[in-house]
Amino acid sequence: MRRREMERFRKLLLAKREDVLSRVKIARSTELEANDADAPDLGDRALSNVTLDLSYQLSAGERDFVRRIDAALERIATGHYGECVHCGKKVQMARLEAVPWARHCVACQELQDRGEI
């Protein structure tokens, strides 16, 4: 992959990372607001607990997403971005355009989805 393309993907990944982190920050502030609110009745407390649970799940999933983005940035830094981590072949450019944090080529991703790798 050319240096210019790598730089474009690096910028795209950094922007996506910032977007995800800002969403996590919003989810955490929502969680704090839900904790601070004194729910006057059982129904309100249940709704508050559901909101907290959803907020936690969102931020946990987003943290995993940030890890994937960070791993892609590390592959850029080491010069291995665009290589499948399983077979070592090039990840298709269309796949990287759609999923810039992709670790696998399409064939290996299908194997992983089936639990074969």
N, C-alpha and C. Protein backbone atom coordinates (compact mmCIF):
# COMPACT_ATOMS: atom_id res chain seq x y z
N MET A 1 0.85 -1.16 0.00
CA MET A 1 0.00 0.00 0.00
C MET A 1 0.91 1.23 0.00
N ARG A 2 0.51 2.20 -0.78
CA ARG A 2 1.30 3.43 -0.87
C ARG A 2 1.19 4.26 0.40
N ARG A 3 2.23 5.02 0.62
CA ARG A 3 2.31 5.86 1.82
C ARG A 3 1.14 6.84 1.91
N ARG A 4 0.75 7.38 0.78
CA ARG A 4 -0.36 8.34 0.74
C ARG A 4 -1.67 7.68 1.17
N GLU A 5 -1.90 6.46 0.70
CA GLU A 5 -3.12 5.74 1.10
C GLU A 5 -3.09 5.43 2.59
N MET A 6 -1.93 5.01 3.09
CA MET A 6 -1.80 4.72 4.52
C MET A 6 -2.12 5.96 5.36
N GLU A 7 -1.62 7.10 4.93
CA GLU A 7 -1.87 8.35 5.65
C GLU A 7 -3.36 8.69 5.63
N ARG A 8 -4.01 8.46 4.51
CA ARG A 8 -5.46 8.72 4.41
C ARG A 8 -6.22 7.82 5.39
N PHE A 9 -5.85 6.54 5.43
CA PHE A 9 -6.51 5.62 6.36
C PHE A 9 -6.19 5.97 7.81
N ARG A 10 -4.97 6.42 8.08
CA ARG A 10 -4.60 6.81 9.43
C ARG A 10 -5.48 7.97 9.90
N LYS A 11 -5.66 8.97 9.04
CA LYS A 11 -6.50 10.11 9.39
C LYS A 11 -7.95 9.69 9.59
N LEU A 12 -8.43 8.81 8.73
CA LEU A 12 -9.80 8.31 8.84
C LEU A 12 -9.99 7.56 10.16
N LEU A 13 -9.02 6.72 10.52
CA LEU A 13 -9.11 5.95 11.76
C LEU A 13 -9.04 6.87 12.98
N LEU A 14 -8.17 7.86 12.94
CA LEU A 14 -8.08 8.80 14.06
C LEU A 14 -9.38 9.58 14.24
N ALA A 15 -10.01 9.98 13.14
CA ALA A 15 -11.28 10.70 13.22
C ALA A 15 -12.37 9.79 13.79
N LYS A 16 -12.39 8.54 13.35
CA LYS A 16 -13.38 7.59 13.85
C LYS A 16 -13.16 7.34 15.35
N ARG A 17 -11.90 7.25 15.75
CA ARG A 17 -11.57 7.02 17.15
C ARG A 17 -12.09 8.18 18.01
N GLU A 18 -11.86 9.40 17.56
CA GLU A 18 -12.36 10.57 18.30
C GLU A 18 -13.88 10.56 18.39
N ASP A 19 -14.55 10.18 17.31
CA ASP A 19 -16.01 10.11 17.30
C ASP A 19 -16.50 9.09 18.33
N VAL A 20 -15.88 7.93 18.35
CA VAL A 20 -16.27 6.88 19.29
C VAL A 20 -16.04 7.33 20.72
N LEU A 21 -14.87 7.93 20.98
CA LEU A 21 -14.57 8.37 22.34
C LEU A 21 -15.54 9.45 22.82
N SER A 22 -15.97 10.31 21.91
CA SER A 22 -16.94 11.33 22.32
C SER A 22 -18.29 10.68 22.63
N ARG A 23 -18.66 9.64 21.89
CA ARG A 23 -19.91 8.93 22.21
C ARG A 23 -19.82 8.23 23.56
N VAL A 24 -18.65 7.67 23.87
CA VAL A 24 -18.46 7.03 25.17
C VAL A 24 -18.58 8.07 26.28
N LYS A 25 -18.00 9.24 26.06
CA LYS A 25 -18.08 10.32 27.05
C LYS A 25 -19.53 10.72 27.29
N ILE A 26 -20.32 10.81 26.22
CA ILE A 26 -21.75 11.15 26.34
C ILE A 26 -22.48 10.05 27.10
N ALA A 27 -22.16 8.80 26.80
CA ALA A 27 -22.81 7.68 27.49
C ALA A 27 -22.49 7.71 28.97
N ARG A 28 -21.26 8.02 29.31
CA ARG A 28 -20.88 8.10 30.72
C ARG A 28 -21.58 9.25 31.43
N SER A 29 -21.72 10.39 30.75
CA SER A 29 -22.41 11.51 31.39
C SER A 29 -23.88 11.17 31.59
N THR A 30 -24.47 10.44 30.65
CA THR A 30 -25.86 9.98 30.80
C THR A 30 -25.97 9.06 32.00
N GLU A 31 -24.97 8.20 32.16
CA GLU A 31 -24.94 7.27 33.28
C GLU A 31 -24.88 8.03 34.61
N LEU A 32 -24.04 9.06 34.66
CA LEU A 32 -23.93 9.86 35.88
C LEU A 32 -25.23 10.59 36.17
N GLU A 33 -25.87 11.13 35.14
CA GLU A 33 -27.15 11.81 35.33
C GLU A 33 -28.20 10.85 35.86
N ALA A 34 -28.20 9.62 35.33
CA ALA A 34 -29.17 8.64 35.79
C ALA A 34 -28.91 8.26 37.24
N ASN A 35 -27.63 8.21 37.63
CA ASN A 35 -27.30 7.90 39.03
C ASN A 35 -27.71 9.03 39.96
N ASP A 36 -27.57 10.26 39.49
CA ASP A 36 -27.86 11.42 40.33
C ASP A 36 -29.36 11.64 40.52
N ALA A 37 -30.16 11.18 39.59
CA ALA A 37 -31.60 11.42 39.67
C ALA A 37 -32.22 10.54 40.75
N ASP A 38 -32.96 11.17 41.63
CA ASP A 38 -33.68 10.41 42.64
C ASP A 38 -35.01 9.98 42.05
N ALA A 39 -35.15 8.69 41.80
CA ALA A 39 -36.37 8.18 41.21
C ALA A 39 -37.44 8.04 42.29
N PRO A 40 -38.55 8.75 42.14
CA PRO A 40 -39.55 8.77 43.19
C PRO A 40 -40.36 7.47 43.32
N ASP A 41 -40.48 6.71 42.26
CA ASP A 41 -41.27 5.48 42.39
C ASP A 41 -40.55 4.31 41.72
N LEU A 42 -41.11 3.13 41.90
CA LEU A 42 -40.51 1.90 41.40
C LEU A 42 -40.34 1.91 39.89
N GLY A 43 -41.32 2.40 39.16
CA GLY A 43 -41.24 2.45 37.69
C GLY A 43 -40.11 3.34 37.21
N ASP A 44 -39.95 4.50 37.85
CA ASP A 44 -38.87 5.41 37.48
C ASP A 44 -37.50 4.81 37.79
N ARG A 45 -37.41 4.10 38.93
CA ARG A 45 -36.14 3.46 39.28
C ARG A 45 -35.80 2.35 38.28
N ALA A 46 -36.81 1.60 37.85
CA ALA A 46 -36.58 0.54 36.87
C ALA A 46 -36.10 1.13 35.55
N LEU A 47 -36.72 2.22 35.13
CA LEU A 47 -36.30 2.88 33.90
C LEU A 47 -34.88 3.40 34.03
N SER A 48 -34.55 3.93 35.19
CA SER A 48 -33.21 4.43 35.45
C SER A 48 -32.19 3.29 35.35
N ASN A 49 -32.54 2.12 35.93
CA ASN A 49 -31.64 0.97 35.85
C ASN A 49 -31.46 0.48 34.43
N VAL A 50 -32.52 0.48 33.63
CA VAL A 50 -32.42 0.08 32.22
C VAL A 50 -31.52 1.05 31.47
N THR A 51 -31.67 2.33 31.73
CA THR A 51 -30.84 3.36 31.09
C THR A 51 -29.37 3.16 31.45
N LEU A 52 -29.10 2.90 32.72
CA LEU A 52 -27.73 2.65 33.15
C LEU A 52 -27.14 1.43 32.47
N ASP A 53 -27.92 0.36 32.41
CA ASP A 53 -27.46 -0.88 31.78
C ASP A 53 -27.15 -0.66 30.31
N LEU A 54 -28.04 0.02 29.61
CA LEU A 54 -27.84 0.30 28.19
C LEU A 54 -26.60 1.17 27.99
N SER A 55 -26.43 2.15 28.84
CA SER A 55 -25.28 3.04 28.76
C SER A 55 -23.99 2.25 28.96
N TYR A 56 -23.98 1.33 29.92
CA TYR A 56 -22.79 0.52 30.17
C TYR A 56 -22.49 -0.38 28.98
N GLN A 57 -23.51 -1.03 28.42
CA GLN A 57 -23.29 -1.91 27.28
C GLN A 57 -22.76 -1.12 26.09
N LEU A 58 -23.30 0.05 25.87
CA LEU A 58 -22.84 0.88 24.76
C LEU A 58 -21.37 1.22 24.94
N SER A 59 -21.00 1.67 26.13
CA SER A 59 -19.62 2.08 26.32
C SER A 59 -18.67 0.89 26.29
N ALA A 60 -19.09 -0.29 26.76
CA ALA A 60 -18.24 -1.48 26.69
C ALA A 60 -18.00 -1.87 25.24
N GLY A 61 -19.05 -1.84 24.43
CA GLY A 61 -18.90 -2.14 23.01
C GLY A 61 -18.04 -1.12 22.29
N GLU A 62 -18.21 0.13 22.68
CA GLU A 62 -17.41 1.18 22.07
C GLU A 62 -15.95 1.05 22.46
N ARG A 63 -15.67 0.64 23.68
CA ARG A 63 -14.28 0.44 24.10
C ARG A 63 -13.62 -0.64 23.25
N ASP A 64 -14.35 -1.70 22.96
CA ASP A 64 -13.83 -2.77 22.11
C ASP A 64 -13.54 -2.22 20.71
N PHE A 65 -14.42 -1.37 20.24
CA PHE A 65 -14.25 -0.75 18.92
C PHE A 65 -12.99 0.12 18.88
N VAL A 66 -12.77 0.87 19.95
CA VAL A 66 -11.56 1.71 20.04
C VAL A 66 -10.32 0.82 20.01
N ARG A 67 -10.37 -0.33 20.67
CA ARG A 67 -9.23 -1.25 20.64
C ARG A 67 -8.95 -1.73 19.21
N ARG A 68 -10.00 -1.99 18.46
CA ARG A 68 -9.81 -2.42 17.06
C ARG A 68 -9.19 -1.30 16.22
N ILE A 69 -9.65 -0.09 16.45
CA ILE A 69 -9.09 1.06 15.73
C ILE A 69 -7.62 1.24 16.12
N ASP A 70 -7.32 1.14 17.42
CA ASP A 70 -5.94 1.29 17.88
C ASP A 70 -5.04 0.21 17.26
N ALA A 71 -5.56 -1.00 17.14
CA ALA A 71 -4.78 -2.08 16.53
C ALA A 71 -4.49 -1.77 15.06
N ALA A 72 -5.48 -1.20 14.36
CA ALA A 72 -5.28 -0.81 12.96
C ALA A 72 -4.24 0.30 12.86
N LEU A 73 -4.29 1.26 13.79
CA LEU A 73 -3.29 2.33 13.80
C LEU A 73 -1.89 1.77 14.07
N GLU A 74 -1.81 0.77 14.92
CA GLU A 74 -0.52 0.12 15.19
C GLU A 74 -0.01 -0.60 13.94
N ARG A 75 -0.91 -1.25 13.20
CA ARG A 75 -0.49 -1.91 11.95
C ARG A 75 0.01 -0.88 10.94
N ILE A 76 -0.59 0.30 10.93
CA ILE A 76 -0.10 1.37 10.05
C ILE A 76 1.31 1.77 10.48
N ALA A 77 1.50 1.94 11.79
CA ALA A 77 2.80 2.37 12.32
C ALA A 77 3.90 1.35 12.03
N THR A 78 3.55 0.08 12.03
CA THR A 78 4.56 -0.97 11.78
C THR A 78 4.66 -1.36 10.32
N GLY A 79 3.80 -0.77 9.49
CA GLY A 79 3.86 -1.07 8.05
C GLY A 79 3.13 -2.33 7.64
N HIS A 80 2.27 -2.84 8.51
CA HIS A 80 1.52 -4.07 8.19
C HIS A 80 0.05 -3.83 7.92
N TYR A 81 -0.33 -2.57 7.83
CA TYR A 81 -1.74 -2.26 7.56
C TYR A 81 -2.09 -2.74 6.15
N GLY A 82 -3.25 -3.34 6.03
CA GLY A 82 -3.69 -3.83 4.74
C GLY A 82 -3.29 -5.27 4.48
N GLU A 83 -2.61 -5.89 5.46
CA GLU A 83 -2.26 -7.31 5.38
C GLU A 83 -3.17 -8.09 6.32
N CYS A 84 -3.67 -9.20 5.84
CA CYS A 84 -4.51 -10.06 6.67
C CYS A 84 -3.66 -10.63 7.81
N VAL A 85 -4.14 -10.53 9.03
CA VAL A 85 -3.37 -11.02 10.17
C VAL A 85 -3.35 -12.55 10.23
N HIS A 86 -4.22 -13.20 9.46
CA HIS A 86 -4.25 -14.66 9.47
C HIS A 86 -3.41 -15.25 8.34
N CYS A 87 -3.68 -14.85 7.11
CA CYS A 87 -2.99 -15.47 5.97
C CYS A 87 -1.85 -14.62 5.41
N GLY A 88 -1.80 -13.34 5.78
CA GLY A 88 -0.74 -12.47 5.31
C GLY A 88 -0.96 -11.86 3.94
N LYS A 89 -2.06 -12.23 3.28
CA LYS A 89 -2.35 -11.66 1.97
C LYS A 89 -2.92 -10.25 2.14
N LYS A 90 -2.97 -9.51 1.04
CA LYS A 90 -3.51 -8.16 1.09
C LYS A 90 -5.01 -8.19 1.34
N VAL A 91 -5.43 -7.30 2.23
CA VAL A 91 -6.87 -7.10 2.44
C VAL A 91 -7.37 -6.25 1.28
N GLN A 92 -8.48 -6.64 0.71
CA GLN A 92 -9.03 -5.95 -0.45
C GLN A 92 -9.28 -4.48 -0.11
N MET A 93 -8.92 -3.61 -1.06
CA MET A 93 -9.06 -2.17 -0.85
C MET A 93 -10.53 -1.80 -0.58
N ALA A 94 -11.46 -2.43 -1.27
CA ALA A 94 -12.88 -2.14 -1.04
C ALA A 94 -13.27 -2.48 0.40
N ARG A 95 -12.69 -3.54 0.95
CA ARG A 95 -12.96 -3.91 2.34
C ARG A 95 -12.40 -2.86 3.30
N LEU A 96 -11.18 -2.40 3.03
CA LEU A 96 -10.59 -1.37 3.88
C LEU A 96 -11.36 -0.06 3.78
N GLU A 97 -11.87 0.23 2.61
CA GLU A 97 -12.68 1.45 2.45
C GLU A 97 -13.94 1.35 3.31
N ALA A 98 -14.55 0.17 3.35
CA ALA A 98 -15.79 -0.02 4.11
C ALA A 98 -15.51 -0.20 5.60
N VAL A 99 -14.45 -0.92 5.93
CA VAL A 99 -14.11 -1.24 7.31
C VAL A 99 -12.61 -1.01 7.50
N PRO A 100 -12.20 0.25 7.72
CA PRO A 100 -10.76 0.54 7.78
C PRO A 100 -10.01 -0.16 8.91
N TRP A 101 -10.71 -0.66 9.91
CA TRP A 101 -10.07 -1.37 11.02
C TRP A 101 -10.04 -2.88 10.78
N ALA A 102 -10.40 -3.31 9.58
CA ALA A 102 -10.45 -4.75 9.25
C ALA A 102 -9.10 -5.41 9.47
N ARG A 103 -9.12 -6.57 10.09
CA ARG A 103 -7.91 -7.34 10.35
C ARG A 103 -7.71 -8.45 9.33
N HIS A 104 -8.80 -8.87 8.71
CA HIS A 104 -8.75 -10.03 7.83
C HIS A 104 -9.21 -9.69 6.41
N CYS A 105 -8.70 -10.47 5.46
CA CYS A 105 -9.24 -10.41 4.10
C CYS A 105 -10.63 -11.03 4.14
N VAL A 106 -11.37 -10.92 3.07
CA VAL A 106 -12.75 -11.42 3.05
C VAL A 106 -12.80 -12.92 3.34
N ALA A 107 -11.91 -13.68 2.71
CA ALA A 107 -11.92 -15.14 2.88
C ALA A 107 -11.66 -15.52 4.34
N CYS A 108 -10.67 -14.90 4.97
CA CYS A 108 -10.36 -15.22 6.36
C CYS A 108 -11.43 -14.70 7.31
N GLN A 109 -12.07 -13.58 6.97
CA GLN A 109 -13.16 -13.08 7.80
C GLN A 109 -14.32 -14.07 7.79
N GLU A 110 -14.58 -14.66 6.63
CA GLU A 110 -15.64 -15.68 6.56
C GLU A 110 -15.28 -16.89 7.43
N LEU A 111 -14.01 -17.28 7.42
CA LEU A 111 -13.57 -18.37 8.28
C LEU A 111 -13.74 -18.01 9.76
N GLN A 112 -13.40 -16.79 10.11
CA GLN A 112 -13.55 -16.37 11.50
C GLN A 112 -15.02 -16.32 11.89
N ASP A 113 -15.87 -15.83 11.00
CA ASP A 113 -17.30 -15.76 11.30
C ASP A 113 -17.88 -17.14 11.55
N ARG A 114 -17.32 -18.15 10.91
CA ARG A 114 -17.78 -19.52 11.10
C ARG A 114 -17.07 -20.19 12.27
N GLY A 115 -16.13 -19.49 12.91
CA GLY A 115 -15.42 -20.04 14.04
C GLY A 115 -14.31 -20.99 13.67
N GLU A 116 -13.83 -20.91 12.43
CA GLU A 116 -12.81 -21.84 11.96
C GLU A 116 -11.40 -21.30 12.17
N ILE A 117 -11.27 -20.03 12.51
CA ILE A 117 -9.94 -19.50 12.88
C ILE A 117 -10.09 -18.66 14.13
